[in-house]
Amino acid sequence: GIIIESPGFLPNYSGYNNLKLLASIKHKINKETIRNAISRVGLDPD
């Protein structure tokens, strides 16, 4: 897992939708896992 320089996200998407799009590249995780990751860092997945 990587953070190098400023994380680049699509500005017109929500945080959840940004991560959902990135997760679709590898198809390793489901929606609940994405939501859990967002919650763990103190953000609201909804």
All heavy atoms as atom14 arrays in JSON, in Angstrom:
{
  "sequence": "GIIIESPGFLPNYSGYNNLKLLASIKHKINKETIRNAISRVGLDPD",
  "atom14_mask": [
    [1, 1, 1, 1, 0, 0, 0, 0, 0, 0, 0, 0, 0, 0],
    [1, 1, 1, 1, 1, 1, 1, 1, 0, 0, 0, 0, 0, 0],
    [1, 1, 1, 1, 1, 1, 1, 1, 0, 0, 0, 0, 0, 0],
    [1, 1, 1, 1, 1, 1, 1, 1, 0, 0, 0, 0, 0, 0],
    [1, 1, 1, 1, 1, 1, 1, 1, 1, 0, 0, 0, 0, 0],
    [1, 1, 1, 1, 1, 1, 0, 0, 0, 0, 0, 0, 0, 0],
    [1, 1, 1, 1, 1, 1, 1, 0, 0, 0, 0, 0, 0, 0],
    [1, 1, 1, 1, 0, 0, 0, 0, 0, 0, 0, 0, 0, 0],
    [1, 1, 1, 1, 1, 1, 1, 1, 1, 1, 1, 0, 0, 0],
    [1, 1, 1, 1, 1, 1, 1, 1, 0, 0, 0, 0, 0, 0],
    [1, 1, 1, 1, 1, 1, 1, 0, 0, 0, 0, 0, 0, 0],
    [1, 1, 1, 1, 1, 1, 1, 1, 0, 0, 0, 0, 0, 0],
    [1, 1, 1, 1, 1, 1, 1, 1, 1, 1, 1, 1, 0, 0],
    [1, 1, 1, 1, 1, 1, 0, 0, 0, 0, 0, 0, 0, 0],
    [1, 1, 1, 1, 0, 0, 0, 0, 0, 0, 0, 0, 0, 0],
    [1, 1, 1, 1, 1, 1, 1, 1, 1, 1, 1, 1, 0, 0],
    [1, 1, 1, 1, 1, 1, 1, 1, 0, 0, 0, 0, 0, 0],
    [1, 1, 1, 1, 1, 1, 1, 1, 0, 0, 0, 0, 0, 0],
    [1, 1, 1, 1, 1, 1, 1, 1, 0, 0, 0, 0, 0, 0],
    [1, 1, 1, 1, 1, 1, 1, 1, 1, 0, 0, 0, 0, 0],
    [1, 1, 1, 1, 1, 1, 1, 1, 0, 0, 0, 0, 0, 0],
    [1, 1, 1, 1, 1, 1, 1, 1, 0, 0, 0, 0, 0, 0],
    [1, 1, 1, 1, 1, 0, 0, 0, 0, 0, 0, 0, 0, 0],
    [1, 1, 1, 1, 1, 1, 0, 0, 0, 0, 0, 0, 0, 0],
    [1, 1, 1, 1, 1, 1, 1, 1, 0, 0, 0, 0, 0, 0],
    [1, 1, 1, 1, 1, 1, 1, 1, 1, 0, 0, 0, 0, 0],
    [1, 1, 1, 1, 1, 1, 1, 1, 1, 1, 0, 0, 0, 0],
    [1, 1, 1, 1, 1, 1, 1, 1, 1, 0, 0, 0, 0, 0],
    [1, 1, 1, 1, 1, 1, 1, 1, 0, 0, 0, 0, 0, 0],
    [1, 1, 1, 1, 1, 1, 1, 1, 0, 0, 0, 0, 0, 0],
    [1, 1, 1, 1, 1, 1, 1, 1, 1, 0, 0, 0, 0, 0],
    [1, 1, 1, 1, 1, 1, 1, 1, 1, 0, 0, 0, 0, 0],
    [1, 1, 1, 1, 1, 1, 1, 0, 0, 0, 0, 0, 0, 0],
    [1, 1, 1, 1, 1, 1, 1, 1, 0, 0, 0, 0, 0, 0],
    [1, 1, 1, 1, 1, 1, 1, 1, 1, 1, 1, 0, 0, 0],
    [1, 1, 1, 1, 1, 1, 1, 1, 0, 0, 0, 0, 0, 0],
    [1, 1, 1, 1, 1, 0, 0, 0, 0, 0, 0, 0, 0, 0],
    [1, 1, 1, 1, 1, 1, 1, 1, 0, 0, 0, 0, 0, 0],
    [1, 1, 1, 1, 1, 1, 0, 0, 0, 0, 0, 0, 0, 0],
    [1, 1, 1, 1, 1, 1, 1, 1, 1, 1, 1, 0, 0, 0],
    [1, 1, 1, 1, 1, 1, 1, 0, 0, 0, 0, 0, 0, 0],
    [1, 1, 1, 1, 0, 0, 0, 0, 0, 0, 0, 0, 0, 0],
    [1, 1, 1, 1, 1, 1, 1, 1, 0, 0, 0, 0, 0, 0],
    [1, 1, 1, 1, 1, 1, 1, 1, 0, 0, 0, 0, 0, 0],
    [1, 1, 1, 1, 1, 1, 1, 0, 0, 0, 0, 0, 0, 0],
    [1, 1, 1, 1, 1, 1, 1, 1, 0, 0, 0, 0, 0, 0]
  ],
  "atom14_positions": [
    [[0.84, -1.19, 0.0], [0.0, 0.0, 0.0], [0.88, 1.24, 0.0], [1.91, 1.28, 0.68], [0.0, 0.0, 0.0], [0.0, 0.0, 0.0], [0.0, 0.0, 0.0], [0.0, 0.0, 0.0], [0.0, 0.0, 0.0], [0.0, 0.0, 0.0], [0.0, 0.0, 0.0], [0.0, 0.0, 0.0], [0.0, 0.0, 0.0], [0.0, 0.0, 0.0]],
    [[0.47, 2.25, -0.76], [1.4, 3.35, -1.07], [0.74, 4.72, -0.92], [-0.38, 4.92, -1.36], [1.89, 3.22, -2.53], [2.62, 1.89, -2.76], [2.79, 4.38, -2.92], [2.66, 1.48, -4.23], [0.0, 0.0, 0.0], [0.0, 0.0, 0.0], [0.0, 0.0, 0.0], [0.0, 0.0, 0.0], [0.0, 0.0, 0.0], [0.0, 0.0, 0.0]],
    [[1.45, 5.65, -0.26], [1.17, 7.08, -0.42], [2.49, 7.72, -0.8], [3.45, 7.68, -0.03], [0.69, 7.74, 0.88], [-0.67, 7.21, 1.32], [0.58, 9.26, 0.68], [-1.15, 7.87, 2.6], [0.0, 0.0, 0.0], [0.0, 0.0, 0.0], [0.0, 0.0, 0.0], [0.0, 0.0, 0.0], [0.0, 0.0, 0.0], [0.0, 0.0, 0.0]],
    [[2.56, 8.27, -2.0], [3.75, 9.01, -2.42], [3.29, 10.36, -2.96], [2.49, 10.42, -3.89], [4.57, 8.25, -3.48], [5.11, 6.94, -2.89], [5.71, 9.1, -3.99], [5.96, 6.12, -3.85], [0.0, 0.0, 0.0], [0.0, 0.0, 0.0], [0.0, 0.0, 0.0], [0.0, 0.0, 0.0], [0.0, 0.0, 0.0], [0.0, 0.0, 0.0]],
    [[3.8, 11.42, -2.33], [3.38, 12.78, -2.66], [1.88, 12.91, -2.38], [1.3, 12.11, -1.68], [3.78, 13.13, -4.1], [5.31, 13.13, -4.25], [5.81, 13.25, -5.67], [5.09, 12.86, -6.6], [6.95, 13.73, -5.84], [0.0, 0.0, 0.0], [0.0, 0.0, 0.0], [0.0, 0.0, 0.0], [0.0, 0.0, 0.0], [0.0, 0.0, 0.0]],
    [[1.22, 13.94, -2.91], [-0.19, 14.15, -2.58], [-1.05, 13.09, -3.26], [-0.92, 12.86, -4.46], [-0.64, 15.53, -3.08], [0.08, 16.53, -2.41], [0.0, 0.0, 0.0], [0.0, 0.0, 0.0], [0.0, 0.0, 0.0], [0.0, 0.0, 0.0], [0.0, 0.0, 0.0], [0.0, 0.0, 0.0], [0.0, 0.0, 0.0], [0.0, 0.0, 0.0]],
    [[-1.92, 12.43, -2.48], [-2.8, 11.43, -3.1], [-3.65, 12.07, -4.19], [-4.21, 13.15, -3.99], [-3.68, 10.96, -1.92], [-2.92, 11.31, -0.68], [-2.13, 12.54, -1.04], [0.0, 0.0, 0.0], [0.0, 0.0, 0.0], [0.0, 0.0, 0.0], [0.0, 0.0, 0.0], [0.0, 0.0, 0.0], [0.0, 0.0, 0.0], [0.0, 0.0, 0.0]],
    [[-3.74, 11.43, -5.35], [-4.52, 11.98, -6.46], [-5.89, 11.32, -6.55], [-5.99, 10.11, -6.72], [0.0, 0.0, 0.0], [0.0, 0.0, 0.0], [0.0, 0.0, 0.0], [0.0, 0.0, 0.0], [0.0, 0.0, 0.0], [0.0, 0.0, 0.0], [0.0, 0.0, 0.0], [0.0, 0.0, 0.0], [0.0, 0.0, 0.0], [0.0, 0.0, 0.0]],
    [[-6.93, 12.11, -6.42], [-8.29, 11.59, -6.5], [-9.11, 12.41, -7.5], [-8.76, 13.54, -7.82], [-8.96, 11.63, -5.12], [-8.32, 10.75, -4.1], [-7.61, 11.3, -3.03], [-8.39, 9.37, -4.2], [-7.01, 10.49, -2.08], [-7.78, 8.55, -3.25], [-7.1, 9.11, -2.2], [0.0, 0.0, 0.0], [0.0, 0.0, 0.0], [0.0, 0.0, 0.0]],
    [[-10.21, 11.83, -7.95], [-11.12, 12.55, -8.85], [-11.93, 13.54, -8.02], [-12.67, 13.14, -7.12], [-12.04, 11.56, -9.56], [-11.33, 10.57, -10.51], [-12.31, 9.52, -11.01], [-10.7, 11.31, -11.68], [0.0, 0.0, 0.0], [0.0, 0.0, 0.0], [0.0, 0.0, 0.0], [0.0, 0.0, 0.0], [0.0, 0.0, 0.0], [0.0, 0.0, 0.0]],
    [[-11.83, 14.84, -8.3], [-12.42, 15.85, -7.42], [-13.94, 15.86, -7.4], [-14.54, 16.31, -6.42], [-11.87, 17.18, -7.98], [-11.47, 16.88, -9.39], [-11.05, 15.44, -9.41], [0.0, 0.0, 0.0], [0.0, 0.0, 0.0], [0.0, 0.0, 0.0], [0.0, 0.0, 0.0], [0.0, 0.0, 0.0], [0.0, 0.0, 0.0], [0.0, 0.0, 0.0]],
    [[-14.59, 15.34, -8.45], [-16.05, 15.38, -8.5], [-16.72, 14.09, -8.01], [-17.92, 13.91, -8.18], [-16.51, 15.68, -9.94], [-16.06, 17.06, -10.4], [-16.01, 17.99, -9.6], [-15.68, 17.18, -11.65], [0.0, 0.0, 0.0], [0.0, 0.0, 0.0], [0.0, 0.0, 0.0], [0.0, 0.0, 0.0], [0.0, 0.0, 0.0], [0.0, 0.0, 0.0]],
    [[-15.92, 13.21, -7.38], [-16.45, 11.98, -6.79], [-16.32, 12.06, -5.28], [-15.43, 12.73, -4.75], [-15.64, 10.76, -7.27], [-15.99, 10.25, -8.64], [-16.0, 11.08, -9.76], [-16.29, 8.9, -8.84], [-16.3, 10.59, -11.02], [-16.59, 8.4, -10.1], [-16.6, 9.26, -11.19], [-16.89, 8.78, -12.42], [0.0, 0.0, 0.0], [0.0, 0.0, 0.0]],
    [[-17.19, 11.34, -4.59], [-17.06, 11.23, -3.14], [-15.85, 10.36, -2.8], [-15.29, 9.68, -3.67], [-18.31, 10.58, -2.54], [-18.39, 9.2, -2.95], [0.0, 0.0, 0.0], [0.0, 0.0, 0.0], [0.0, 0.0, 0.0], [0.0, 0.0, 0.0], [0.0, 0.0, 0.0], [0.0, 0.0, 0.0], [0.0, 0.0, 0.0], [0.0, 0.0, 0.0]],
    [[-15.45, 10.38, -1.53], [-14.34, 9.54, -1.1], [-14.61, 8.07, -1.37], [-13.76, 7.35, -1.92], [0.0, 0.0, 0.0], [0.0, 0.0, 0.0], [0.0, 0.0, 0.0], [0.0, 0.0, 0.0], [0.0, 0.0, 0.0], [0.0, 0.0, 0.0], [0.0, 0.0, 0.0], [0.0, 0.0, 0.0], [0.0, 0.0, 0.0], [0.0, 0.0, 0.0]],
    [[-15.82, 7.63, -1.01], [-16.19, 6.21, -1.23], [-16.12, 5.86, -2.71], [-15.56, 4.83, -3.09], [-17.58, 5.93, -0.68], [-18.1, 4.57, -1.08], [-17.66, 3.42, -0.4], [-18.97, 4.41, -2.15], [-18.09, 2.16, -0.78], [-19.4, 3.16, -2.54], [-18.97, 2.03, -1.85], [-19.4, 0.78, -2.25], [0.0, 0.0, 0.0], [0.0, 0.0, 0.0]],
    [[-16.68, 6.71, -3.57], [-16.69, 6.4, -5.0], [-15.29, 6.41, -5.61], [-15.0, 5.65, -6.53], [-17.62, 7.35, -5.75], [-19.08, 6.98, -5.57], [-19.4, 5.83, -5.31], [-19.96, 7.96, -5.68], [0.0, 0.0, 0.0], [0.0, 0.0, 0.0], [0.0, 0.0, 0.0], [0.0, 0.0, 0.0], [0.0, 0.0, 0.0], [0.0, 0.0, 0.0]],
    [[-14.41, 7.26, -5.09], [-13.01, 7.23, -5.53], [-12.38, 5.89, -5.21], [-11.73, 5.27, -6.07], [-12.22, 8.36, -4.86], [-12.09, 9.61, -5.72], [-11.27, 9.66, -6.63], [-12.91, 10.61, -5.44], [0.0, 0.0, 0.0], [0.0, 0.0, 0.0], [0.0, 0.0, 0.0], [0.0, 0.0, 0.0], [0.0, 0.0, 0.0], [0.0, 0.0, 0.0]],
    [[-12.54, 5.43, -3.98], [-11.91, 4.16, -3.59], [-12.57, 2.98, -4.29], [-11.89, 2.0, -4.65], [-11.97, 3.98, -2.07], [-11.19, 4.99, -1.23], [-10.9, 4.42, 0.16], [-9.9, 5.45, -1.87], [0.0, 0.0, 0.0], [0.0, 0.0, 0.0], [0.0, 0.0, 0.0], [0.0, 0.0, 0.0], [0.0, 0.0, 0.0], [0.0, 0.0, 0.0]],
    [[-13.89, 3.06, -4.5], [-14.59, 1.99, -5.23], [-14.03, 1.85, -6.64], [-13.81, 0.74, -7.13], [-16.08, 2.31, -5.25], [-16.95, 1.24, -5.9], [-18.4, 1.67, -5.87], [-19.26, 0.8, -6.77], [-20.62, 1.34, -6.91], [0.0, 0.0, 0.0], [0.0, 0.0, 0.0], [0.0, 0.0, 0.0], [0.0, 0.0, 0.0], [0.0, 0.0, 0.0]],
    [[-13.79, 2.98, -7.28], [-13.22, 2.97, -8.63], [-11.82, 2.34, -8.63], [-11.5, 1.5, -9.48], [-13.16, 4.4, -9.17], [-12.88, 4.6, -10.65], [-14.0, 4.02, -11.5], [-12.71, 6.09, -10.96], [0.0, 0.0, 0.0], [0.0, 0.0, 0.0], [0.0, 0.0, 0.0], [0.0, 0.0, 0.0], [0.0, 0.0, 0.0], [0.0, 0.0, 0.0]],
    [[-10.99, 2.72, -7.66], [-9.64, 2.17, -7.58], [-9.67, 0.68, -7.24], [-8.87, -0.11, -7.77], [-8.83, 2.93, -6.51], [-8.47, 4.37, -6.91], [-8.05, 5.17, -5.68], [-7.38, 4.39, -7.96], [0.0, 0.0, 0.0], [0.0, 0.0, 0.0], [0.0, 0.0, 0.0], [0.0, 0.0, 0.0], [0.0, 0.0, 0.0], [0.0, 0.0, 0.0]],
    [[-10.62, 0.27, -6.38], [-10.72, -1.14, -6.0], [-11.16, -2.0, -7.18], [-10.84, -3.21, -7.23], [-11.71, -1.3, -4.85], [0.0, 0.0, 0.0], [0.0, 0.0, 0.0], [0.0, 0.0, 0.0], [0.0, 0.0, 0.0], [0.0, 0.0, 0.0], [0.0, 0.0, 0.0], [0.0, 0.0, 0.0], [0.0, 0.0, 0.0], [0.0, 0.0, 0.0]],
    [[-11.86, -1.4, -8.15], [-12.35, -2.18, -9.3], [-11.21, -2.62, -10.22], [-11.39, -3.5, -11.06], [-13.36, -1.35, -10.1], [-12.72, -0.27, -10.78], [0.0, 0.0, 0.0], [0.0, 0.0, 0.0], [0.0, 0.0, 0.0], [0.0, 0.0, 0.0], [0.0, 0.0, 0.0], [0.0, 0.0, 0.0], [0.0, 0.0, 0.0], [0.0, 0.0, 0.0]],
    [[-10.02, -2.06, -10.04], [-8.87, -2.44, -10.88], [-8.46, -3.88, -10.6], [-8.23, -4.67, -11.51], [-7.68, -1.48, -10.66], [-8.05, -0.05, -11.09], [-6.44, -1.96, -11.41], [-7.07, 1.02, -10.63], [0.0, 0.0, 0.0], [0.0, 0.0, 0.0], [0.0, 0.0, 0.0], [0.0, 0.0, 0.0], [0.0, 0.0, 0.0], [0.0, 0.0, 0.0]],
    [[-8.38, -4.23, -9.31], [-7.91, -5.57, -8.93], [-9.04, -6.52, -8.54], [-8.83, -7.72, -8.46], [-6.91, -5.46, -7.77], [-5.61, -4.77, -8.13], [-4.67, -4.78, -6.94], [-3.38, -4.03, -7.25], [-2.5, -3.94, -6.04], [0.0, 0.0, 0.0], [0.0, 0.0, 0.0], [0.0, 0.0, 0.0], [0.0, 0.0, 0.0], [0.0, 0.0, 0.0]],
    [[-10.21, -5.98, -8.24], [-11.36, -6.81, -7.81], [-11.02, -7.7, -6.63], [-11.46, -8.85, -6.56], [-11.86, -7.68, -8.98], [-12.35, -6.89, -10.15], [-13.52, -6.18, -10.15], [-11.81, -6.69, -11.39], [-13.7, -5.59, -11.31], [-12.67, -5.87, -12.09], [0.0, 0.0, 0.0], [0.0, 0.0, 0.0], [0.0, 0.0, 0.0], [0.0, 0.0, 0.0]],
    [[-10.22, -7.17, -5.7], [-9.83, -7.97, -4.53], [-10.78, -7.8, -3.34], [-10.84, -8.66, -2.48], [-8.41, -7.58, -4.08], [-7.3, -8.17, -4.9], [-5.93, -7.7, -4.42], [-5.56, -8.23, -3.05], [-4.17, -7.86, -2.67], [0.0, 0.0, 0.0], [0.0, 0.0, 0.0], [0.0, 0.0, 0.0], [0.0, 0.0, 0.0], [0.0, 0.0, 0.0]],
    [[-11.49, -6.67, -3.3], [-12.25, -6.35, -2.09], [-13.68, -5.94, -2.45], [-13.96, -5.52, -3.56], [-11.58, -5.23, -1.27], [-11.35, -3.98, -2.13], [-10.26, -5.72, -0.66], [-10.82, -2.78, -1.37], [0.0, 0.0, 0.0], [0.0, 0.0, 0.0], [0.0, 0.0, 0.0], [0.0, 0.0, 0.0], [0.0, 0.0, 0.0], [0.0, 0.0, 0.0]],
    [[-14.57, -6.07, -1.44], [-15.98, -5.72, -1.66], [-16.29, -4.33, -1.07], [-15.44, -3.69, -0.45], [-16.9, -6.79, -1.08], [-16.71, -6.98, 0.42], [-16.26, -6.07, 1.13], [-17.04, -8.17, 0.91], [0.0, 0.0, 0.0], [0.0, 0.0, 0.0], [0.0, 0.0, 0.0], [0.0, 0.0, 0.0], [0.0, 0.0, 0.0], [0.0, 0.0, 0.0]],
    [[-17.54, -3.92, -1.25], [-17.95, -2.59, -0.81], [-17.78, -2.41, 0.69], [-17.38, -1.34, 1.16], [-19.42, -2.36, -1.19], [-19.65, -2.27, -2.69], [-21.14, -2.12, -3.0], [-21.38, -2.05, -4.5], [-22.82, -1.94, -4.82], [0.0, 0.0, 0.0], [0.0, 0.0, 0.0], [0.0, 0.0, 0.0], [0.0, 0.0, 0.0], [0.0, 0.0, 0.0]],
    [[-18.07, -3.45, 1.45], [-17.99, -3.34, 2.91], [-16.55, -3.12, 3.36], [-16.28, -2.38, 4.31], [-18.57, -4.6, 3.57], [-19.03, -4.41, 4.99], [-19.91, -3.18, 5.19], [-20.88, -2.97, 4.44], [-19.59, -2.41, 6.12], [0.0, 0.0, 0.0], [0.0, 0.0, 0.0], [0.0, 0.0, 0.0], [0.0, 0.0, 0.0], [0.0, 0.0, 0.0]],
    [[-15.59, -3.75, 2.69], [-14.17, -3.58, 3.02], [-13.73, -2.14, 2.73], [-12.97, -1.55, 3.5], [-13.32, -4.57, 2.21], [-13.81, -5.9, 2.45], [-11.86, -4.51, 2.61], [0.0, 0.0, 0.0], [0.0, 0.0, 0.0], [0.0, 0.0, 0.0], [0.0, 0.0, 0.0], [0.0, 0.0, 0.0], [0.0, 0.0, 0.0], [0.0, 0.0, 0.0]],
    [[-14.23, -1.58, 1.63], [-13.91, -0.18, 1.31], [-14.48, 0.74, 2.39], [-13.8, 1.65, 2.89], [-14.49, 0.21, -0.07], [-13.87, -0.65, -1.17], [-14.23, 1.7, -0.36], [-14.59, -0.55, -2.51], [0.0, 0.0, 0.0], [0.0, 0.0, 0.0], [0.0, 0.0, 0.0], [0.0, 0.0, 0.0], [0.0, 0.0, 0.0], [0.0, 0.0, 0.0]],
    [[-15.74, 0.51, 2.75], [-16.39, 1.33, 3.78], [-15.63, 1.24, 5.1], [-15.42, 2.24, 5.8], [-17.84, 0.88, 3.99], [-18.76, 1.19, 2.81], [-20.13, 0.52, 2.99], [-20.71, 0.92, 4.25], [-21.35, 2.06, 4.47], [-21.51, 2.92, 3.48], [-21.84, 2.35, 5.66], [0.0, 0.0, 0.0], [0.0, 0.0, 0.0], [0.0, 0.0, 0.0]],
    [[-15.18, 0.04, 5.44], [-14.45, -0.17, 6.69], [-13.13, 0.6, 6.69], [-12.75, 1.21, 7.69], [-14.19, -1.67, 6.89], [-13.46, -1.96, 8.18], [-13.81, -1.47, 9.24], [-12.41, -2.77, 8.09], [0.0, 0.0, 0.0], [0.0, 0.0, 0.0], [0.0, 0.0, 0.0], [0.0, 0.0, 0.0], [0.0, 0.0, 0.0], [0.0, 0.0, 0.0]],
    [[-12.42, 0.59, 5.55], [-11.14, 1.31, 5.45], [-11.36, 2.81, 5.66], [-10.58, 3.47, 6.35], [-10.49, 1.04, 4.09], [0.0, 0.0, 0.0], [0.0, 0.0, 0.0], [0.0, 0.0, 0.0], [0.0, 0.0, 0.0], [0.0, 0.0, 0.0], [0.0, 0.0, 0.0], [0.0, 0.0, 0.0], [0.0, 0.0, 0.0], [0.0, 0.0, 0.0]],
    [[-12.43, 3.34, 5.08], [-12.73, 4.76, 5.22], [-13.05, 5.1, 6.68], [-12.57, 6.1, 7.22], [-13.9, 5.16, 4.29], [-13.46, 5.03, 2.82], [-14.36, 6.6, 4.56], [-14.59, 5.15, 1.81], [0.0, 0.0, 0.0], [0.0, 0.0, 0.0], [0.0, 0.0, 0.0], [0.0, 0.0, 0.0], [0.0, 0.0, 0.0], [0.0, 0.0, 0.0]],
    [[-13.83, 4.24, 7.32], [-14.18, 4.47, 8.73], [-12.95, 4.41, 9.63], [-12.83, 5.19, 10.58], [-15.2, 3.41, 9.2], [-16.4, 3.53, 8.49], [0.0, 0.0, 0.0], [0.0, 0.0, 0.0], [0.0, 0.0, 0.0], [0.0, 0.0, 0.0], [0.0, 0.0, 0.0], [0.0, 0.0, 0.0], [0.0, 0.0, 0.0], [0.0, 0.0, 0.0]],
    [[-12.03, 3.51, 9.31], [-10.85, 3.3, 10.17], [-9.95, 4.53, 10.23], [-9.22, 4.72, 11.2], [-10.05, 2.08, 9.7], [-10.71, 0.76, 10.02], [-9.96, -0.4, 9.4], [-8.75, -0.72, 10.13], [-7.82, -1.56, 9.68], [-7.97, -2.14, 8.5], [-6.75, -1.83, 10.41], [0.0, 0.0, 0.0], [0.0, 0.0, 0.0], [0.0, 0.0, 0.0]],
    [[-9.99, 5.35, 9.19], [-9.15, 6.56, 9.18], [-9.93, 7.8, 9.63], [-9.45, 8.92, 9.52], [-8.5, 6.81, 7.8], [-7.59, 5.64, 7.42], [-9.55, 7.07, 6.72], [0.0, 0.0, 0.0], [0.0, 0.0, 0.0], [0.0, 0.0, 0.0], [0.0, 0.0, 0.0], [0.0, 0.0, 0.0], [0.0, 0.0, 0.0], [0.0, 0.0, 0.0]],
    [[-11.15, 7.59, 10.15], [-11.9, 8.7, 10.72], [-12.74, 9.5, 9.74], [-13.13, 10.63, 10.04], [0.0, 0.0, 0.0], [0.0, 0.0, 0.0], [0.0, 0.0, 0.0], [0.0, 0.0, 0.0], [0.0, 0.0, 0.0], [0.0, 0.0, 0.0], [0.0, 0.0, 0.0], [0.0, 0.0, 0.0], [0.0, 0.0, 0.0], [0.0, 0.0, 0.0]],
    [[-13.05, 8.92, 8.58], [-13.94, 9.57, 7.62], [-15.28, 8.84, 7.57], [-15.38, 7.68, 7.99], [-13.3, 9.58, 6.22], [-12.03, 10.4, 6.04], [-11.48, 10.21, 4.62], [-12.28, 11.89, 6.3], [0.0, 0.0, 0.0], [0.0, 0.0, 0.0], [0.0, 0.0, 0.0], [0.0, 0.0, 0.0], [0.0, 0.0, 0.0], [0.0, 0.0, 0.0]],
    [[-16.29, 9.5, 7.02], [-17.63, 8.91, 6.92], [-17.81, 8.3, 5.54], [-17.85, 9.03, 4.54], [-18.68, 10.01, 7.15], [-20.11, 9.5, 6.99], [-20.29, 8.28, 6.81], [-21.03, 10.34, 7.04], [0.0, 0.0, 0.0], [0.0, 0.0, 0.0], [0.0, 0.0, 0.0], [0.0, 0.0, 0.0], [0.0, 0.0, 0.0], [0.0, 0.0, 0.0]],
    [[-17.95, 6.97, 5.45], [-18.1, 6.35, 4.12], [-19.4, 6.73, 3.41], [-19.5, 6.58, 2.19], [-18.06, 4.84, 4.43], [-18.41, 4.72, 5.87], [-17.94, 5.98, 6.53], [0.0, 0.0, 0.0], [0.0, 0.0, 0.0], [0.0, 0.0, 0.0], [0.0, 0.0, 0.0], [0.0, 0.0, 0.0], [0.0, 0.0, 0.0], [0.0, 0.0, 0.0]],
    [[-20.39, 7.23, 4.17], [-21.67, 7.61, 3.56], [-21.72, 9.06, 3.11], [-22.71, 9.5, 2.51], [-22.81, 7.35, 4.55], [-22.98, 5.87, 4.85], [-22.89, 5.07, 3.9], [-23.17, 5.5, 6.02], [0.0, 0.0, 0.0], [0.0, 0.0, 0.0], [0.0, 0.0, 0.0], [0.0, 0.0, 0.0], [0.0, 0.0, 0.0], [0.0, 0.0, 0.0]]
  ]
}
